[in-house]
PDB file of N, CA and C in Angstrom:
ATOM      1  N   MET A   1     -13.812 -22.189  17.117  1.00  0.00           N
ATOM      2  CA  MET A   1     -15.046 -22.069  16.372  1.00  0.00           C
ATOM      3  C   MET A   1     -14.750 -22.154  14.881  1.00  0.00           C
ATOM      4  N   LYS A   2     -15.565 -22.866  14.173  1.00  0.00           N
ATOM      5  CA  LYS A   2     -15.355 -23.052  12.738  1.00  0.00           C
ATOM      6  C   LYS A   2     -15.776 -21.816  11.950  1.00  0.00           C
ATOM      7  N   THR A   3     -15.125 -21.652  10.819  1.00  0.00           N
ATOM      8  CA  THR A   3     -15.473 -20.587   9.894  1.00  0.00           C
ATOM      9  C   THR A   3     -16.823 -20.913   9.249  1.00  0.00           C
ATOM     10  N   PRO A   4     -17.694 -19.911   9.071  1.00  0.00           N
ATOM     11  CA  PRO A   4     -18.985 -20.172   8.424  1.00  0.00           C
ATOM     12  C   PRO A   4     -18.809 -20.759   7.023  1.00  0.00           C
ATOM     13  N   LEU A   5     -19.745 -21.613   6.636  1.00  0.00           N
ATOM     14  CA  LEU A   5     -19.688 -22.272   5.333  1.00  0.00           C
ATOM     15  C   LEU A   5     -19.571 -21.265   4.196  1.00  0.00           C
ATOM     16  N   ALA A   6     -20.313 -20.177   4.265  1.00  0.00           N
ATOM     17  CA  ALA A   6     -20.272 -19.168   3.194  1.00  0.00           C
ATOM     18  C   ALA A   6     -18.858 -18.632   3.000  1.00  0.00           C
ATOM     19  N   ASP A   7     -18.125 -18.447   4.086  1.00  0.00           N
ATOM     20  CA  ASP A   7     -16.755 -17.957   3.981  1.00  0.00           C
ATOM     21  C   ASP A   7     -15.813 -19.027   3.438  1.00  0.00           C
ATOM     22  N   ARG A   8     -16.071 -20.276   3.766  1.00  0.00           N
ATOM     23  CA  ARG A   8     -15.208 -21.371   3.304  1.00  0.00           C
ATOM     24  C   ARG A   8     -15.361 -21.646   1.815  1.00  0.00           C
ATOM     25  N   ILE A   9     -16.551 -21.452   1.262  1.00  0.00           N
ATOM     26  CA  ILE A   9     -16.752 -21.767  -0.160  1.00  0.00           C
ATOM     27  C   ILE A   9     -16.735 -20.540  -1.064  1.00  0.00           C
ATOM     28  N   ARG A  10     -16.599 -19.362  -0.476  1.00  0.00           N
ATOM     29  CA  ARG A  10     -16.562 -18.131  -1.268  1.00  0.00           C
ATOM     30  C   ARG A  10     -15.340 -18.146  -2.178  1.00  0.00           C
ATOM     31  N   PRO A  11     -15.471 -17.730  -3.433  1.00  0.00           N
ATOM     32  CA  PRO A  11     -14.336 -17.703  -4.364  1.00  0.00           C
ATOM     33  C   PRO A  11     -13.182 -16.865  -3.822  1.00  0.00           C
ATOM     34  N   LYS A  12     -11.969 -17.305  -4.124  1.00  0.00           N
ATOM     35  CA  LYS A  12     -10.767 -16.601  -3.666  1.00  0.00           C
ATOM     36  C   LYS A  12     -10.118 -15.781  -4.772  1.00  0.00           C
ATOM     37  N   THR A  13     -10.484 -16.052  -6.023  1.00  0.00           N
ATOM     38  CA  THR A  13      -9.930 -15.301  -7.154  1.00  0.00           C
ATOM     39  C   THR A  13     -11.069 -14.831  -8.053  1.00  0.00           C
ATOM     40  N   LEU A  14     -10.784 -13.864  -8.888  1.00  0.00           N
ATOM     41  CA  LEU A  14     -11.791 -13.367  -9.825  1.00  0.00           C
ATOM     42  C   LEU A  14     -12.199 -14.447 -10.814  1.00  0.00           C
ATOM     43  N   ASP A  15     -11.280 -15.342 -11.151  1.00  0.00           N
ATOM     44  CA  ASP A  15     -11.605 -16.417 -12.094  1.00  0.00           C
ATOM     45  C   ASP A  15     -12.606 -17.404 -11.512  1.00  0.00           C
ATOM     46  N   GLU A  16     -12.671 -17.514 -10.188  1.00  0.00           N
ATOM     47  CA  GLU A  16     -13.605 -18.432  -9.537  1.00  0.00           C
ATOM     48  C   GLU A  16     -15.005 -17.845  -9.375  1.00  0.00           C
ATOM     49  N   VAL A  17     -15.151 -16.543  -9.554  1.00  0.00           N
ATOM     50  CA  VAL A  17     -16.449 -15.885  -9.384  1.00  0.00           C
ATOM     51  C   VAL A  17     -17.361 -16.263 -10.551  1.00  0.00           C
ATOM     52  N   VAL A  18     -18.579 -16.652 -10.227  1.00  0.00           N
ATOM     53  CA  VAL A  18     -19.571 -16.997 -11.253  1.00  0.00           C
ATOM     54  C   VAL A  18     -20.456 -15.779 -11.468  1.00  0.00           C
ATOM     55  N   GLY A  19     -20.589 -15.349 -12.706  1.00  0.00           N
ATOM     56  CA  GLY A  19     -21.397 -14.176 -13.012  1.00  0.00           C
ATOM     57  C   GLY A  19     -20.555 -12.905 -13.024  1.00  0.00           C
ATOM     58  N   GLN A  20     -21.184 -11.802 -13.330  1.00  0.00           N
ATOM     59  CA  GLN A  20     -20.541 -10.482 -13.379  1.00  0.00           C
ATOM     60  C   GLN A  20     -19.400 -10.418 -14.398  1.00  0.00           C
ATOM     61  N   LYS A  21     -19.450 -11.259 -15.414  1.00  0.00           N
ATOM     62  CA  LYS A  21     -18.369 -11.291 -16.407  1.00  0.00           C
ATOM     63  C   LYS A  21     -18.283  -9.995 -17.202  1.00  0.00           C
ATOM     64  N   HIS A  22     -19.363  -9.219 -17.243  1.00  0.00           N
ATOM     65  CA  HIS A  22     -19.312  -7.931 -17.941  1.00  0.00           C
ATOM     66  C   HIS A  22     -18.439  -6.931 -17.177  1.00  0.00           C
ATOM     67  N   LEU A  23     -18.140  -7.225 -15.917  1.00  0.00           N
ATOM     68  CA  LEU A  23     -17.268  -6.366 -15.114  1.00  0.00           C
ATOM     69  C   LEU A  23     -15.906  -6.994 -14.835  1.00  0.00           C
ATOM     70  N   ILE A  24     -15.894  -8.320 -14.591  1.00  0.00           N
ATOM     71  CA  ILE A  24     -14.648  -8.954 -14.154  1.00  0.00           C
ATOM     72  C   ILE A  24     -14.113  -9.989 -15.128  1.00  0.00           C
ATOM     73  N   GLY A  25     -14.695 -10.061 -16.320  1.00  0.00           N
ATOM     74  CA  GLY A  25     -14.176 -10.968 -17.340  1.00  0.00           C
ATOM     75  C   GLY A  25     -12.846 -10.449 -17.873  1.00  0.00           C
ATOM     76  N   GLU A  26     -12.124 -11.301 -18.591  1.00  0.00           N
ATOM     77  CA  GLU A  26     -10.837 -10.897 -19.164  1.00  0.00           C
ATOM     78  C   GLU A  26     -10.997  -9.628 -20.000  1.00  0.00           C
ATOM     79  N   GLY A  27     -10.148  -8.632 -19.723  1.00  0.00           N
ATOM     80  CA  GLY A  27     -10.160  -7.388 -20.480  1.00  0.00           C
ATOM     81  C   GLY A  27     -11.258  -6.414 -20.100  1.00  0.00           C
ATOM     82  N   LYS A  28     -12.072  -6.735 -19.109  1.00  0.00           N
ATOM     83  CA  LYS A  28     -13.171  -5.849 -18.698  1.00  0.00           C
ATOM     84  C   LYS A  28     -12.674  -4.847 -17.666  1.00  0.00           C
ATOM     85  N   ILE A  29     -13.454  -3.801 -17.465  1.00  0.00           N
ATOM     86  CA  ILE A  29     -13.003  -2.638 -16.713  1.00  0.00           C
ATOM     87  C   ILE A  29     -12.582  -2.935 -15.277  1.00  0.00           C
ATOM     88  N   LEU A  30     -13.390  -3.628 -14.515  1.00  0.00           N
ATOM     89  CA  LEU A  30     -13.046  -3.852 -13.105  1.00  0.00           C
ATOM     90  C   LEU A  30     -11.834  -4.771 -12.984  1.00  0.00           C
ATOM     91  N   ARG A  31     -11.749  -5.777 -13.827  1.00  0.00           N
ATOM     92  CA  ARG A  31     -10.574  -6.667 -13.782  1.00  0.00           C
ATOM     93  C   ARG A  31      -9.309  -5.889 -14.117  1.00  0.00           C
ATOM     94  N   ASN A  32      -9.364  -5.026 -15.128  1.00  0.00           N
ATOM     95  CA  ASN A  32      -8.189  -4.232 -15.497  1.00  0.00           C
ATOM     96  C   ASN A  32      -7.758  -3.321 -14.353  1.00  0.00           C
ATOM     97  N   ILE A  33      -8.715  -2.708 -13.684  1.00  0.00           N
ATOM     98  CA  ILE A  33      -8.400  -1.838 -12.551  1.00  0.00           C
ATOM     99  C   ILE A  33      -7.693  -2.633 -11.458  1.00  0.00           C
ATOM    100  N   ILE A  34      -8.201  -3.815 -11.152  1.00  0.00           N
ATOM    101  CA  ILE A  34      -7.626  -4.644 -10.091  1.00  0.00           C
ATOM    102  C   ILE A  34      -6.238  -5.141 -10.484  1.00  0.00           C
ATOM    103  N   GLU A  35      -6.101  -5.656 -11.696  1.00  0.00           N
ATOM    104  CA  GLU A  35      -4.823  -6.207 -12.135  1.00  0.00           C
ATOM    105  C   GLU A  35      -3.743  -5.144 -12.252  1.00  0.00           C
ATOM    106  N   ASN A  36      -4.125  -3.902 -12.538  1.00  0.00           N
ATOM    107  CA  ASN A  36      -3.154  -2.810 -12.662  1.00  0.00           C
ATOM    108  C   ASN A  36      -2.932  -2.074 -11.346  1.00  0.00           C
ATOM    109  N   ASP A  37      -3.540  -2.583 -10.262  1.00  0.00           N
ATOM    110  CA  ASP A  37      -3.421  -1.964  -8.933  1.00  0.00           C
ATOM    111  C   ASP A  37      -3.777  -0.482  -8.944  1.00  0.00           C
ATOM    112  N   GLU A  38      -4.846  -0.159  -9.655  1.00  0.00           N
ATOM    113  CA  GLU A  38      -5.347   1.211  -9.716  1.00  0.00           C
ATOM    114  C   GLU A  38      -6.739   1.263  -9.093  1.00  0.00           C
ATOM    115  N   VAL A  39      -6.908   0.568  -7.971  1.00  0.00           N
ATOM    116  CA  VAL A  39      -8.216   0.419  -7.354  1.00  0.00           C
ATOM    117  C   VAL A  39      -8.616   1.720  -6.646  1.00  0.00           C
ATOM    118  N   PRO A  40      -9.685   2.367  -7.121  1.00  0.00           N
ATOM    119  CA  PRO A  40     -10.166   3.587  -6.460  1.00  0.00           C
ATOM    120  C   PRO A  40     -11.113   3.215  -5.315  1.00  0.00           C
ATOM    121  N   ASN A  41     -11.589   4.214  -4.610  1.00  0.00           N
ATOM    122  CA  ASN A  41     -12.665   3.962  -3.640  1.00  0.00           C
ATOM    123  C   ASN A  41     -13.885   3.522  -4.427  1.00  0.00           C
ATOM    124  N   MET A  42     -14.518   2.448  -3.971  1.00  0.00           N
ATOM    125  CA  MET A  42     -15.673   1.926  -4.690  1.00  0.00           C
ATOM    126  C   MET A  42     -16.787   1.601  -3.704  1.00  0.00           C
ATOM    127  N   ILE A  43     -18.013   1.744  -4.163  1.00  0.00           N
ATOM    128  CA  ILE A  43     -19.192   1.335  -3.406  1.00  0.00           C
ATOM    129  C   ILE A  43     -19.961   0.371  -4.286  1.00  0.00           C
ATOM    130  N   PHE A  44     -20.162  -0.846  -3.794  1.00  0.00           N
ATOM    131  CA  PHE A  44     -20.954  -1.834  -4.519  1.00  0.00           C
ATOM    132  C   PHE A  44     -22.370  -1.771  -3.988  1.00  0.00           C
ATOM    133  N   TYR A  45     -23.316  -1.643  -4.881  1.00  0.00           N
ATOM    134  CA  TYR A  45     -24.720  -1.501  -4.512  1.00  0.00           C
ATOM    135  C   TYR A  45     -25.543  -2.519  -5.277  1.00  0.00           C
ATOM    136  N   GLY A  46     -26.460  -3.148  -4.592  1.00  0.00           N
ATOM    137  CA  GLY A  46     -27.341  -4.097  -5.263  1.00  0.00           C
ATOM    138  C   GLY A  46     -28.033  -4.990  -4.254  1.00  0.00           C
ATOM    139  N   PRO A  47     -28.930  -5.833  -4.746  1.00  0.00           N
ATOM    140  CA  PRO A  47     -29.673  -6.711  -3.847  1.00  0.00           C
ATOM    141  C   PRO A  47     -28.772  -7.796  -3.249  1.00  0.00           C
ATOM    142  N   SER A  48     -29.275  -8.444  -2.241  1.00  0.00           N
ATOM    143  CA  SER A  48     -28.542  -9.527  -1.584  1.00  0.00           C
ATOM    144  C   SER A  48     -28.243 -10.647  -2.568  1.00  0.00           C
ATOM    145  N   GLY A  49     -27.069 -11.225  -2.411  1.00  0.00           N
ATOM    146  CA  GLY A  49     -26.735 -12.415  -3.170  1.00  0.00           C
ATOM    147  C   GLY A  49     -26.189 -12.210  -4.557  1.00  0.00           C
ATOM    148  N   VAL A  50     -25.863 -10.984  -4.937  1.00  0.00           N
ATOM    149  CA  VAL A  50     -25.357 -10.760  -6.296  1.00  0.00           C
ATOM    150  C   VAL A  50     -23.827 -10.778  -6.375  1.00  0.00           C
ATOM    151  N   GLY A  51     -23.149 -10.864  -5.218  1.00  0.00           N
ATOM    152  CA  GLY A  51     -21.695 -10.991  -5.226  1.00  0.00           C
ATOM    153  C   GLY A  51     -20.914  -9.766  -4.815  1.00  0.00           C
ATOM    154  N   LYS A  52     -21.555  -8.811  -4.183  1.00  0.00           N
ATOM    155  CA  LYS A  52     -20.855  -7.580  -3.779  1.00  0.00           C
ATOM    156  C   LYS A  52     -19.680  -7.880  -2.844  1.00  0.00           C
ATOM    157  N   THR A  53     -19.946  -8.629  -1.791  1.00  0.00           N
ATOM    158  CA  THR A  53     -18.901  -8.963  -0.821  1.00  0.00           C
ATOM    159  C   THR A  53     -17.832  -9.842  -1.449  1.00  0.00           C
ATOM    160  N   THR A  54     -18.244 -10.777  -2.268  1.00  0.00           N
ATOM    161  CA  THR A  54     -17.287 -11.667  -2.922  1.00  0.00           C
ATOM    162  C   THR A  54     -16.331 -10.885  -3.814  1.00  0.00           C
ATOM    163  N   ILE A  55     -16.857  -9.980  -4.618  1.00  0.00           N
ATOM    164  CA  ILE A  55     -15.988  -9.191  -5.496  1.00  0.00           C
ATOM    165  C   ILE A  55     -15.091  -8.264  -4.680  1.00  0.00           C
ATOM    166  N   ALA A  56     -15.610  -7.688  -3.604  1.00  0.00           N
ATOM    167  CA  ALA A  56     -14.783  -6.840  -2.742  1.00  0.00           C
ATOM    168  C   ALA A  56     -13.649  -7.649  -2.112  1.00  0.00           C
ATOM    169  N   ASN A  57     -13.950  -8.844  -1.626  1.00  0.00           N
ATOM    170  CA  ASN A  57     -12.920  -9.682  -1.008  1.00  0.00           C
ATOM    171  C   ASN A  57     -11.886 -10.158  -2.015  1.00  0.00           C
ATOM    172  N   THR A  58     -12.302 -10.543  -3.203  1.00  0.00           N
ATOM    173  CA  THR A  58     -11.339 -10.987  -4.206  1.00  0.00           C
ATOM    174  C   THR A  58     -10.492  -9.813  -4.700  1.00  0.00           C
ATOM    175  N   THR A  59     -11.069  -8.627  -4.726  1.00  0.00           N
ATOM    176  CA  THR A  59     -10.295  -7.432  -5.077  1.00  0.00           C
ATOM    177  C   THR A  59      -9.174  -7.235  -4.060  1.00  0.00           C
ATOM    178  N   LEU A  60      -9.500  -7.370  -2.794  1.00  0.00           N
ATOM    179  CA  LEU A  60      -8.514  -7.231  -1.722  1.00  0.00           C
ATOM    180  C   LEU A  60      -7.409  -8.282  -1.857  1.00  0.00           C
ATOM    181  N   LEU A  61      -7.804  -9.522  -2.156  1.00  0.00           N
ATOM    182  CA  LEU A  61      -6.822 -10.614  -2.252  1.00  0.00           C
ATOM    183  C   LEU A  61      -5.945 -10.526  -3.501  1.00  0.00           C
ATOM    184  N   GLU A  62      -6.509 -10.041  -4.605  1.00  0.00           N
ATOM    185  CA  GLU A  62      -5.763 -10.048  -5.867  1.00  0.00           C
ATOM    186  C   GLU A  62      -4.964  -8.783  -6.121  1.00  0.00           C
ATOM    187  N   SER A  63      -5.312  -7.709  -5.477  1.00  0.00           N
ATOM    188  CA  SER A  63      -4.587  -6.458  -5.681  1.00  0.00           C
ATOM    189  C   SER A  63      -3.456  -6.345  -4.665  1.00  0.00           C
ATOM    190  N   THR A  64      -2.368  -5.743  -5.095  1.00  0.00           N
ATOM    191  CA  THR A  64      -1.273  -5.502  -4.162  1.00  0.00           C
ATOM    192  C   THR A  64      -1.287  -4.070  -3.656  1.00  0.00           C
ATOM    193  N   ALA A  65      -2.339  -3.334  -4.012  1.00  0.00           N
ATOM    194  CA  ALA A  65      -2.476  -1.967  -3.527  1.00  0.00           C
ATOM    195  C   ALA A  65      -2.629  -1.983  -2.008  1.00  0.00           C
ATOM    196  N   LEU A  66      -2.230  -0.931  -1.370  1.00  0.00           N
ATOM    197  CA  LEU A  66      -2.283  -0.841   0.086  1.00  0.00           C
ATOM    198  C   LEU A  66      -3.693  -0.470   0.533  1.00  0.00           C
ATOM    199  N   TYR A  67      -4.254  -1.267   1.428  1.00  0.00           N
ATOM    200  CA  TYR A  67      -5.570  -0.989   1.996  1.00  0.00           C
ATOM    201  C   TYR A  67      -5.397  -0.659   3.460  1.00  0.00           C
ATOM    202  N   THR A  68      -6.018   0.442   3.858  1.00  0.00           N
ATOM    203  CA  THR A  68      -5.939   0.821   5.271  1.00  0.00           C
ATOM    204  C   THR A  68      -7.311   1.059   5.831  1.00  0.00           C
TER     205      THR A  68
END
């Protein structure tokens, strides 16, 4: 079975994410947390389509912190 289109085109890095630059732009708080592997427990809240899942997935891919 093929992977859904949304999963195939979803950004793989923070640099590929469109929008949310006030959080994930160079030198911004969420990017610094991810790059320094100091990722705390986080809850993303907001309407559909704003990038919650995308940012969570890229956080997982870009951080070397242990996720269980």
